[in-house]
Protein backbone atom coordinates (compact mmCIF):
# COMPACT_ATOMS: atom_id res chain seq x y z
CA MET A 1 -5.05 -10.68 -4.91
CA SER A 2 -2.49 -12.12 -2.42
CA ASP A 3 -0.32 -10.28 -0.77
CA GLU A 4 2.57 -11.79 -3.89
CA ALA A 5 1.04 -9.66 -6.31
CA SER A 6 0.65 -7.08 -3.55
CA ALA A 7 4.12 -6.32 -3.95
CA ILE A 8 3.84 -5.99 -8.20
CA PRO A 9 3.12 -1.84 -8.60
CA LEU A 10 -0.35 -3.52 -10.19
CA ALA A 11 -2.28 -0.25 -8.89
CA ASP A 12 -0.02 1.80 -11.10
CA VAL A 13 -0.27 -0.55 -13.80
CA LEU A 14 -3.99 -0.66 -13.81
CA ARG A 15 -4.51 2.84 -13.56
CA ALA A 16 -1.94 3.32 -17.21
CA ALA A 17 -4.14 1.14 -18.62
CA ASN A 18 -7.24 2.61 -18.14
CA GLU A 19 -5.32 5.77 -18.56
CA LEU A 20 -4.60 4.35 -22.39
CA VAL A 21 -8.78 3.99 -22.43
CA SER A 22 -9.40 7.87 -21.67
CA VAL A 23 -6.52 9.04 -24.49
CA GLY A 24 -8.04 6.96 -26.91
CA LEU A 25 -5.15 4.94 -27.76
CA ILE A 26 -7.14 1.44 -27.05
CA LYS A 27 -10.59 0.70 -26.76
CA ASP A 28 -10.59 -1.90 -23.90
CA PHE A 29 -7.83 -4.34 -21.75
CA ALA A 30 -8.03 -6.89 -20.05
CA LEU A 31 -5.34 -8.14 -16.83
CA GLY A 32 -3.85 -11.88 -18.02
CA GLY A 33 -1.52 -14.20 -18.19
CA ALA A 34 -0.29 -15.57 -14.64
CA LEU A 35 -1.41 -12.67 -12.73
CA ALA A 36 -4.79 -13.55 -13.76
CA ALA A 37 -4.80 -16.84 -13.09
CA ILE A 38 -3.73 -15.40 -9.50
CA TYR A 39 -6.91 -13.77 -9.33
CA TYR A 40 -8.85 -17.20 -9.01
CA THR A 41 -5.46 -19.54 -7.61
CA GLU A 42 -2.28 -19.51 -4.56
CA PRO A 43 -0.49 -16.80 -6.32
CA VAL A 44 2.76 -18.59 -8.34
CA THR A 45 5.75 -16.58 -9.40
CA THR A 46 5.30 -13.84 -11.90
CA TYR A 47 8.15 -12.00 -14.72
CA ASP A 48 5.54 -9.54 -15.73
CA ALA A 49 2.25 -8.27 -16.50
CA ASP A 50 0.33 -9.18 -19.38
CA ILE A 51 -2.36 -6.24 -20.39
CA ILE A 52 -4.02 -7.69 -23.69
CA PHE A 53 -5.73 -4.11 -24.97
CA VAL A 54 -8.39 -4.39 -28.23
CA ALA A 55 -6.24 -1.21 -30.78
CA SER A 56 -8.22 2.18 -31.40
CA ASP A 57 -6.66 1.63 -34.75
CA LYS A 58 -6.41 -2.50 -35.36
CA THR A 59 -3.61 -1.67 -37.05
CA LEU A 60 -0.53 -3.83 -34.63
CA SER A 61 2.23 -1.59 -36.15
CA ALA A 62 0.15 1.97 -34.87
CA GLY A 63 -0.95 0.77 -32.20
CA ILE A 64 1.95 -0.48 -29.87
CA PRO A 65 4.57 2.38 -30.70
CA ALA A 66 2.65 5.05 -29.58
CA ILE A 67 1.45 3.15 -26.64
CA TYR A 68 4.50 2.49 -25.45
CA SER A 69 5.62 6.50 -26.78
CA TYR A 70 2.79 7.74 -24.65
CA LEU A 71 4.07 6.09 -21.04
CA GLN A 72 7.53 6.38 -21.96
CA SER A 73 6.07 10.66 -21.71
CA LYS A 74 4.81 9.57 -18.07
CA GLY A 75 8.17 8.16 -16.84
CA TRP A 76 8.05 4.04 -17.88
CA ARG A 77 11.56 2.44 -19.10
CA VAL A 78 11.86 0.60 -21.94
CA GLU A 79 13.19 -2.65 -21.80
CA ARG A 80 12.56 -4.66 -24.54
CA GLU A 81 9.64 -5.78 -25.04
CA HIS A 82 8.53 -4.31 -21.84
CA LEU A 83 7.89 -1.31 -20.42
CA LEU A 84 8.51 -0.49 -16.73
CA ILE A 85 7.34 1.02 -14.07
CA LYS A 86 8.53 1.19 -10.77
CA ASP A 87 11.49 -1.74 -12.49
CA PHE A 88 8.62 -4.03 -12.24
CA PRO A 89 8.30 -4.71 -16.65
CA VAL A 90 5.07 -5.09 -18.10
CA GLN A 91 3.74 -6.04 -21.19
CA PHE A 92 1.32 -5.11 -23.96
CA LEU A 93 0.50 -7.36 -26.03
CA ALA A 94 -3.08 -6.40 -28.44
CA ALA A 95 -5.74 -8.68 -28.78
CA SER A 96 -6.79 -10.91 -31.80
CA GLY A 97 -9.07 -13.83 -31.70
CA LEU A 98 -9.22 -15.64 -28.96
CA THR A 99 -8.17 -13.00 -26.37
CA GLU A 100 -9.79 -10.47 -28.26
CA GLU A 101 -12.70 -12.72 -27.21
CA ALA A 102 -11.29 -12.70 -23.65
CA VAL A 103 -11.24 -9.20 -23.08
CA CYS A 104 -15.00 -8.66 -23.98
CA GLU A 105 -15.62 -11.47 -21.82
CA ALA A 106 -13.11 -10.40 -18.66
CA ARG A 107 -14.49 -9.25 -15.41
CA GLN A 108 -14.69 -6.32 -14.31
CA ILE A 109 -12.89 -6.16 -10.65
CA GLN A 110 -11.54 -3.21 -8.08
CA TYR A 111 -8.11 -3.60 -7.70
CA GLN A 112 -7.11 -1.67 -4.18
CA GLY A 113 -9.59 0.60 -5.98
CA VAL A 114 -8.81 1.19 -9.81
CA PRO A 115 -11.63 0.09 -11.95
CA ALA A 116 -9.78 -3.09 -13.89
CA LYS A 117 -10.87 -6.48 -15.69
CA VAL A 118 -9.36 -9.90 -15.57
CA PHE A 119 -9.68 -12.95 -17.99
CA ARG A 120 -12.28 -15.18 -17.15
CA PRO A 121 -10.10 -18.58 -15.60
CA GLU A 122 -11.98 -20.70 -19.02
CA TYR A 123 -9.95 -18.08 -21.58
CA ILE A 124 -6.82 -18.30 -19.70
CA ILE A 125 -7.16 -22.19 -19.31
CA ALA A 126 -7.78 -21.61 -23.30
CA ILE A 127 -4.91 -20.04 -23.88
CA ALA A 128 -2.46 -21.18 -22.28
CA ALA A 129 -3.57 -24.94 -24.72
CA GLY A 130 -3.25 -23.07 -27.16
CA VAL A 131 0.62 -22.04 -26.21
CA GLY A 132 1.35 -25.23 -24.67
CA ARG A 133 5.09 -24.55 -23.19
CA HIS A 134 5.07 -26.35 -19.56
CA LYS A 135 4.09 -22.87 -17.32
CA ASP A 136 0.99 -23.10 -19.68
CA LEU A 137 0.34 -26.53 -18.98
CA ALA A 138 0.97 -26.03 -15.14
CA ARG A 139 -1.49 -22.60 -14.92
CA ILE A 140 -4.56 -25.21 -16.91
CA GLU A 141 -3.62 -27.57 -13.80
CA GLN A 142 -3.56 -25.48 -11.07
CA LEU A 143 -6.66 -23.23 -12.51
CA MET A 144 -8.83 -26.63 -13.16
CA SER A 145 -8.16 -27.75 -9.43
CA GLN A 146 -8.45 -24.10 -7.93
CA ALA A 147 -10.32 -22.08 -10.00
CA LYS A 148 -14.21 -22.21 -10.41
CA ILE A 149 -14.54 -23.36 -13.84
CA ASP A 150 -17.68 -23.08 -15.65
CA LYS A 151 -17.87 -26.77 -17.75
CA PRO A 152 -19.59 -26.08 -20.40
CA LEU A 153 -18.70 -22.36 -21.52
CA LEU A 154 -14.28 -23.95 -21.00
CA ASP A 155 -15.95 -26.52 -23.59
CA ASP A 156 -17.42 -24.08 -26.14
CA ILE A 157 -14.59 -21.99 -26.25
CA LEU A 158 -12.31 -25.23 -27.01
CA ARG A 159 -14.64 -26.81 -29.42
CA ARG A 160 -14.48 -23.11 -31.72
CA TYR A 161 -10.48 -22.57 -31.17
CA ASN A 162 -10.34 -25.75 -32.11
CA LEU A 163 -7.96 -26.66 -28.62
CA ASN A 164 -7.74 -29.44 -26.88
CA LEU A 165 -6.61 -29.97 -23.13
CA PRO A 166 -3.93 -31.86 -22.19
CA LYS A 167 -4.42 -35.18 -21.33
CA GLN A 168 -4.54 -36.09 -17.68
């Protein structure tokens, strides 16, 4: 990860996510979104960290309130849909379908000595193709030009989830 990402309290975020696994609130997690893309490319400005999790309890309504309650008990604050750690927003998003597969297939990493997982670039691209905002299209372009992409894997993911890359 870049120096820009080091200004983000990412190690604290990842420690908290690992703790959520340890206490049984979630089964697994991975870093997604812009911070995951930064793992493979030059840094970009990002507003928040996205932690995509596989719930221990498949009822979404039970998982997110429990996560928020637990982290608030550890000193995190809530602001709209985000939890704040050291004033940095973190969004916990329940995985399903493509994002659940992305968590399961994520790469194991160590960030400042904290074990974590980060989405593979092929999944970041597929998810961005499915969302399709301008920033997602820019992320696809950046990853395609800067990251080592397993093209057969990407093609397989896109085919299975009926997604298409934007026309160049």
